[in-house]
Amino acid sequence: MPYTPAFLPASGRPRTVLFVAFPDMGLLDLTGPQTVFWAASKALAERGVPGYLRHTVSLDGGLVRTVEGVELQTSPLAAFTRVPVDTLVVPGSPDIERVLAESGPLVEWLRRKARATRRTASVCSGAFLLAQAGLLHDKRVTTHWAMCDLLRERFPSTRIDRDAIFVCEGSVWTSAGVSAGIDLSLALVEADHGRDIAMQVAKELVVFLKRPGGQSQFSELLRSQTKDGDDFDELHLWLANNLSSDDLTVDALAERAGMSPRNFARVYKQKTGRTPAKAVEIMRLEAARRMLEDSKRNVDQIARVCGFGDEERMRVTFQRNLSVSPRDYRKRFAT
């Protein structure tokens, strides 16, 4: 039976994808998605199906230098004024605030072009350019975890999802930092041509773990370490080694930290951005994820070892935080 994609354009022609370049953009933000769409086109060609026409574009065309020092040849935006565009992909930059200040014409082009484009996607801090263009108003979005606070501060009408690998809101897609652009692009390909093609691309790129959008983009320990000071580093290490304990209450943690329960709860939330109870939950979740990926223990054993008590409590926690059950998580990510 011939392969029939779910959403083949009515014309039966390849879809045009524009990768928008600008000075000091992140190289992998752009080349990761480019490689996914290239590999998808290759896989589709093997089945006799039109793939993706891929163009790297910039405001004036010519060579554009990435923040890493690599120069990419680009076509001018004006060359695509009358070209039907299926997908726009906008990378980010480590120096996104300066880029924003210097990208007025590019932002205006994005604002206009997005209206005539089926979908628009950003990688990492590229979300700031979409927000500046007015494309993220009152939308759930994500970006690199280190830039979530700045995005919310600069564009308070956005609804920030700090944990998601990528988010789809209508015709707008946003992803977390750098390599998450590959996950987002695989999801775009899957939306166009189904899971089989997306998984074939993942294998081609040796991306063994195709992460869903709901998977957390960084660990609780990393989150805690990036906040002010190292006040709770010792406590966090102790917690990581004692997750099976059934006495990880605020009172017990406060005693461990040498503080009163009330003061501990207040200072902990201020320093880490989490309540103590939420931090314990997320650390248990992360421990369970690692065991589901790497160990041969059954799900109920993992639930007990990680301090959930039983499989049902762990299932509820997985659904609340990752939108997937422990058993389905293992099917997707077990090595």
Protein backbone atom coordinates (compact mmCIF):
# COMPACT_ATOMS: atom_id res chain seq x y z
CA MET A 1 0.00 0.00 0.00
CA PRO A 2 1.47 3.42 -0.93
CA TYR A 3 2.32 5.76 1.91
CA THR A 4 -0.16 8.60 2.41
CA PRO A 5 0.87 11.43 4.75
CA ALA A 6 -1.73 12.82 7.11
CA PHE A 7 -1.47 16.42 5.99
CA LEU A 8 -0.08 16.55 2.48
CA PRO A 9 -0.53 20.03 0.98
CA ALA A 10 -3.44 20.19 -1.45
CA SER A 11 -1.01 20.92 -4.28
CA GLY A 12 0.99 17.75 -3.55
CA ARG A 13 4.12 19.91 -3.64
CA PRO A 14 6.95 20.07 -1.12
CA ARG A 15 6.47 22.33 1.88
CA THR A 16 8.68 25.42 2.07
CA VAL A 17 10.50 25.92 5.38
CA LEU A 18 12.41 29.14 6.09
CA PHE A 19 15.15 29.14 8.72
CA VAL A 20 15.57 32.74 9.82
CA ALA A 21 19.19 33.75 10.45
CA PHE A 22 20.56 36.88 12.14
CA PRO A 23 23.97 37.94 13.50
CA ASP A 24 25.06 36.19 16.74
CA MET A 25 22.35 33.54 16.60
CA GLY A 26 23.09 30.13 18.09
CA LEU A 27 24.44 27.72 15.48
CA LEU A 28 22.78 24.54 16.78
CA ASP A 29 19.47 26.40 17.23
CA LEU A 30 19.40 26.66 13.45
CA THR A 31 21.30 23.62 12.20
CA GLY A 32 19.55 21.14 14.50
CA PRO A 33 16.12 21.80 12.95
CA GLN A 34 17.65 22.08 9.47
CA THR A 35 19.09 18.59 9.81
CA VAL A 36 15.77 17.16 11.01
CA PHE A 37 13.90 18.55 7.99
CA TRP A 38 16.69 17.40 5.66
CA ALA A 39 16.51 13.87 7.06
CA ALA A 40 12.70 13.94 6.85
CA SER A 41 12.88 14.94 3.18
CA LYS A 42 15.29 12.08 2.56
CA ALA A 43 12.96 9.59 4.29
CA LEU A 44 9.93 10.89 2.41
CA ALA A 45 11.72 10.74 -0.95
CA GLU A 46 12.30 7.03 -0.38
CA ARG A 47 8.51 6.66 -0.22
CA GLY A 48 7.84 8.83 -3.24
CA VAL A 49 6.37 11.66 -1.18
CA PRO A 50 7.28 15.38 -1.48
CA GLY A 51 9.36 16.56 1.47
CA TYR A 52 10.54 20.02 2.49
CA LEU A 53 12.17 22.82 0.51
CA ARG A 54 14.61 24.33 3.01
CA HIS A 55 15.98 27.87 2.80
CA THR A 56 18.19 29.79 5.21
CA VAL A 57 17.20 33.45 5.04
CA SER A 58 18.24 36.74 6.61
CA LEU A 59 17.21 40.36 6.36
CA ASP A 60 19.62 41.28 3.56
CA GLY A 61 20.99 37.89 2.51
CA GLY A 62 24.67 37.04 2.27
CA LEU A 63 26.92 35.69 5.00
CA VAL A 64 25.61 35.72 8.56
CA ARG A 65 28.00 35.03 11.43
CA THR A 66 26.76 32.90 14.34
CA VAL A 67 27.79 33.51 17.93
CA GLU A 68 30.16 30.55 17.61
CA GLY A 69 31.97 32.24 14.70
CA VAL A 70 30.60 30.12 11.85
CA GLU A 71 29.37 32.04 8.80
CA LEU A 72 26.30 30.81 6.92
CA GLN A 73 25.25 31.79 3.42
CA THR A 74 21.66 33.12 3.36
CA SER A 75 19.07 34.36 0.91
CA PRO A 76 17.37 37.76 1.41
CA LEU A 77 13.92 37.81 2.96
CA ALA A 78 12.66 39.84 0.02
CA ALA A 79 13.16 36.84 -2.25
CA PHE A 80 10.29 35.07 -0.47
CA THR A 81 7.75 37.88 -0.44
CA ARG A 82 5.44 36.03 -2.84
CA VAL A 83 6.48 32.49 -1.95
CA PRO A 84 3.92 30.43 0.01
CA VAL A 85 5.71 29.46 3.22
CA ASP A 86 4.62 26.48 5.30
CA THR A 87 6.89 26.87 8.35
CA LEU A 88 9.12 29.57 9.82
CA VAL A 89 11.86 28.51 12.25
CA VAL A 90 13.46 31.25 14.36
CA PRO A 91 16.61 30.45 16.38
CA GLY A 92 17.76 32.17 19.56
CA SER A 93 20.90 33.91 20.77
CA PRO A 94 22.77 34.01 24.09
CA ASP A 95 22.70 37.80 23.73
CA ILE A 96 19.01 38.03 22.90
CA GLU A 97 18.42 41.41 24.58
CA ARG A 98 20.94 43.11 22.31
CA VAL A 99 19.59 41.21 19.31
CA LEU A 100 16.08 42.45 20.13
CA ALA A 101 17.30 46.04 20.28
CA GLU A 102 18.86 45.72 16.80
CA SER A 103 16.20 43.62 15.03
CA GLY A 104 13.35 46.03 14.38
CA PRO A 105 13.06 45.30 10.63
CA LEU A 106 13.37 41.54 11.18
CA VAL A 107 10.68 41.59 13.87
CA GLU A 108 8.36 43.56 11.60
CA TRP A 109 8.94 41.03 8.80
CA LEU A 110 8.14 38.17 11.19
CA ARG A 111 4.93 39.93 12.23
CA ARG A 112 3.76 40.21 8.63
CA LYS A 113 5.00 36.88 7.33
CA ALA A 114 3.57 34.84 10.19
CA ARG A 115 0.06 35.90 9.14
CA ALA A 116 0.52 34.14 5.80
CA THR A 117 2.43 31.13 7.17
CA ARG A 118 0.83 27.89 8.39
CA ARG A 119 2.99 27.74 11.51
CA THR A 120 5.84 29.58 13.17
CA ALA A 121 8.38 28.02 15.53
CA SER A 122 11.11 29.34 17.78
CA VAL A 123 14.09 27.59 19.30
CA CYS A 124 15.49 28.63 22.67
CA SER A 125 15.47 32.43 23.07
CA GLY A 126 14.01 32.84 19.59
CA ALA A 127 10.75 33.09 21.56
CA PHE A 128 11.75 36.67 22.41
CA LEU A 129 11.66 37.61 18.71
CA LEU A 130 8.23 36.03 18.30
CA ALA A 131 7.00 37.82 21.43
CA GLN A 132 8.37 41.15 20.16
CA ALA A 133 6.47 40.52 16.93
CA GLY A 134 3.24 40.11 18.93
CA LEU A 135 2.90 36.40 18.14
CA LEU A 136 2.93 35.09 21.73
CA HIS A 137 0.28 37.26 23.36
CA ASP A 138 -1.69 35.21 25.90
CA LYS A 139 -0.07 31.99 24.67
CA ARG A 140 1.55 29.20 26.65
CA VAL A 141 5.20 29.18 25.61
CA THR A 142 8.59 27.92 26.67
CA THR A 143 12.20 28.96 26.19
CA HIS A 144 15.61 28.13 27.65
CA TRP A 145 15.12 27.58 31.40
CA ALA A 146 17.64 30.32 32.24
CA MET A 147 15.61 32.89 30.28
CA CYS A 148 12.10 32.13 31.53
CA ASP A 149 12.10 34.94 34.10
CA LEU A 150 13.38 37.47 31.58
CA LEU A 151 10.76 36.44 29.02
CA ARG A 152 8.00 36.85 31.58
CA GLU A 153 9.41 40.21 32.66
CA ARG A 154 9.72 41.55 29.12
CA PHE A 155 6.45 40.07 27.86
CA PRO A 156 4.04 39.61 30.81
CA SER A 157 1.15 38.56 28.55
CA THR A 158 2.92 35.27 27.79
CA ARG A 159 2.17 32.20 29.92
CA ILE A 160 5.54 30.59 30.60
CA ASP A 161 5.86 26.81 30.88
CA ARG A 162 9.24 26.49 32.56
CA ASP A 163 9.55 22.73 32.27
CA ALA A 164 8.35 21.83 28.79
CA ILE A 165 10.75 20.70 26.08
CA PHE A 166 8.43 22.29 23.53
CA VAL A 167 4.94 23.78 23.44
CA CYS A 168 2.38 23.98 20.65
CA GLU A 169 -0.24 26.73 20.89
CA GLY A 170 -2.30 26.86 17.73
CA SER A 171 0.00 27.77 14.86
CA VAL A 172 2.88 28.81 17.13
CA TRP A 173 5.47 26.38 18.49
CA THR A 174 8.21 27.25 20.99
CA SER A 175 10.99 25.09 22.38
CA ALA A 176 13.44 25.04 25.26
CA GLY A 177 17.16 25.59 24.87
CA VAL A 178 19.38 24.61 21.96
CA SER A 179 19.06 20.82 21.47
CA ALA A 180 15.33 21.00 22.23
CA GLY A 181 14.98 22.46 18.73
CA ILE A 182 15.60 18.94 17.45
CA ASP A 183 12.75 17.59 19.59
CA LEU A 184 10.47 20.37 18.36
CA SER A 185 11.38 19.71 14.73
CA LEU A 186 10.74 15.98 15.12
CA ALA A 187 7.32 16.86 16.51
CA LEU A 188 6.64 19.14 13.52
CA VAL A 189 7.59 16.34 11.14
CA GLU A 190 5.41 13.90 13.09
CA ALA A 191 2.47 16.31 12.87
CA ASP A 192 2.93 16.43 9.08
CA HIS A 193 3.78 12.82 8.26
CA GLY A 194 3.14 10.61 11.27
CA ARG A 195 5.16 8.85 13.93
CA ASP A 196 6.87 6.33 11.63
CA ILE A 197 8.60 9.05 9.61
CA ALA A 198 9.55 11.00 12.75
CA MET A 199 11.05 7.88 14.34
CA GLN A 200 12.93 7.06 11.13
CA VAL A 201 14.43 10.56 11.26
CA ALA A 202 15.30 10.14 14.95
CA LYS A 203 17.15 6.91 14.14
CA GLU A 204 18.93 8.57 11.20
CA LEU A 205 20.19 11.27 13.55
CA VAL A 206 21.01 8.77 16.31
CA VAL A 207 18.50 10.52 18.58
CA PHE A 208 17.58 7.41 20.53
CA LEU A 209 15.25 9.13 22.99
CA LYS A 210 12.57 11.11 21.21
CA ARG A 211 11.39 13.34 24.05
CA PRO A 212 7.74 14.41 24.29
CA GLY A 213 6.98 18.08 24.81
CA GLY A 214 5.89 17.50 28.40
CA GLN A 215 9.22 16.08 29.56
CA SER A 216 11.05 18.35 31.99
CA GLN A 217 13.95 20.24 30.42
CA PHE A 218 16.26 20.22 33.46
CA SER A 219 16.70 18.68 36.88
CA GLU A 220 15.54 19.91 40.26
CA LEU A 221 19.11 19.79 41.58
CA LEU A 222 20.28 21.95 38.67
CA ARG A 223 17.38 24.34 39.23
CA SER A 224 18.29 24.68 42.89
CA GLN A 225 21.98 25.20 42.19
CA THR A 226 21.29 28.08 39.84
CA LYS A 227 19.36 30.06 42.43
CA ASP A 228 20.94 32.50 44.89
CA GLY A 229 23.66 31.01 47.04
CA ASP A 230 24.45 27.47 48.10
CA ASP A 231 22.43 27.48 51.33
CA PHE A 232 20.72 24.15 50.68
CA ASP A 233 23.31 22.24 48.63
CA GLU A 234 24.09 19.88 51.52
CA LEU A 235 20.39 19.33 52.19
CA HIS A 236 19.74 18.55 48.52
CA LEU A 237 22.53 15.98 48.43
CA TRP A 238 21.16 14.37 51.58
CA LEU A 239 17.67 14.37 50.07
CA ALA A 240 18.91 12.69 46.89
CA ASN A 241 20.27 9.82 49.02
CA ASN A 242 17.22 9.50 51.28
CA LEU A 243 14.22 9.72 48.98
CA SER A 244 12.81 6.41 50.22
CA SER A 245 12.29 7.87 53.69
CA ASP A 246 8.65 8.43 54.68
CA ASP A 247 9.66 11.35 56.92
CA LEU A 248 10.60 14.12 54.51
CA THR A 249 8.21 16.63 56.03
CA VAL A 250 8.92 20.34 56.38
CA ASP A 251 9.62 19.79 60.08
CA ALA A 252 12.16 17.06 59.35
CA LEU A 253 13.89 19.04 56.60
CA ALA A 254 13.96 22.17 58.73
CA GLU A 255 15.62 20.25 61.55
CA ARG A 256 18.17 18.91 59.07
CA ALA A 257 18.87 22.47 57.88
CA GLY A 258 19.09 23.79 61.46
CA MET A 259 16.16 26.18 61.04
CA SER A 260 12.67 26.59 62.43
CA PRO A 261 9.98 25.03 60.19
CA ARG A 262 8.35 28.37 59.43
CA ASN A 263 11.60 30.14 58.59
CA PHE A 264 12.87 27.16 56.60
CA ALA A 265 9.73 27.00 54.43
CA ARG A 266 9.91 30.74 53.73
CA VAL A 267 13.64 30.89 52.97
CA TYR A 268 13.62 27.68 50.93
CA LYS A 269 10.86 28.98 48.66
CA GLN A 270 12.67 32.30 48.31
CA LYS A 271 16.03 30.71 47.45
CA THR A 272 14.94 27.83 45.21
CA GLY A 273 11.59 28.93 43.78
CA ARG A 274 9.96 25.71 45.06
CA THR A 275 8.17 24.73 48.22
CA PRO A 276 9.99 21.98 50.15
CA ALA A 277 7.17 19.54 49.40
CA LYS A 278 7.34 20.24 45.66
CA ALA A 279 11.12 19.86 45.66
CA VAL A 280 10.84 16.44 47.32
CA GLU A 281 8.18 15.40 44.79
CA ILE A 282 10.29 16.45 41.80
CA MET A 283 13.45 14.81 43.15
CA ARG A 284 11.52 11.57 43.64
CA LEU A 285 10.14 11.92 40.13
CA GLU A 286 13.62 12.35 38.68
CA ALA A 287 14.95 9.34 40.58
CA ALA A 288 12.03 7.25 39.30
CA ARG A 289 12.62 8.43 35.73
CA ARG A 290 16.26 7.35 35.86
CA MET A 291 15.31 3.92 37.22
CA LEU A 292 12.60 3.46 34.60
CA GLU A 293 15.15 4.28 31.91
CA ASP A 294 18.10 2.26 33.20
CA SER A 295 17.05 -0.44 35.69
CA LYS A 296 15.15 -3.73 35.40
CA ARG A 297 13.15 -3.24 38.59
CA ASN A 298 9.39 -3.37 38.17
CA VAL A 299 7.31 -0.23 38.49
CA ASP A 300 6.01 -1.00 41.98
CA GLN A 301 9.54 -1.61 43.28
CA ILE A 302 10.69 1.69 41.81
CA ALA A 303 7.74 3.47 43.45
CA ARG A 304 8.78 2.14 46.86
CA VAL A 305 12.50 2.81 46.44
CA CYS A 306 11.84 6.40 45.35
CA GLY A 307 9.52 7.10 48.28
CA PHE A 308 6.17 7.17 46.51
CA GLY A 309 4.93 4.24 48.57
CA ASP A 310 3.01 2.55 45.78
CA GLU A 311 2.59 2.61 42.01
CA GLU A 312 -0.64 4.60 42.07
CA ARG A 313 0.90 7.56 43.90
CA MET A 314 3.82 7.53 41.48
CA ARG A 315 1.43 7.34 38.52
CA VAL A 316 -0.45 10.42 39.73
CA THR A 317 2.84 12.32 40.11
CA PHE A 318 3.99 11.35 36.61
CA GLN A 319 0.68 12.40 35.09
CA ARG A 320 0.72 15.73 36.93
CA ASN A 321 4.27 16.64 35.95
CA LEU A 322 4.96 14.82 32.67
CA SER A 323 1.50 13.96 31.32
CA VAL A 324 2.52 10.32 30.93
CA SER A 325 2.23 7.20 33.09
CA PRO A 326 5.37 5.49 34.51
CA ARG A 327 4.75 2.44 32.32
CA ASP A 328 4.38 4.52 29.16
CA TYR A 329 7.47 6.52 30.14
CA ARG A 330 9.46 3.29 30.39
CA LYS A 331 8.22 2.15 26.96
CA ARG A 332 9.45 5.39 25.41
CA PHE A 333 12.75 5.85 27.17
CA ALA A 334 14.05 2.56 28.59
CA THR A 335 17.52 1.74 27.29
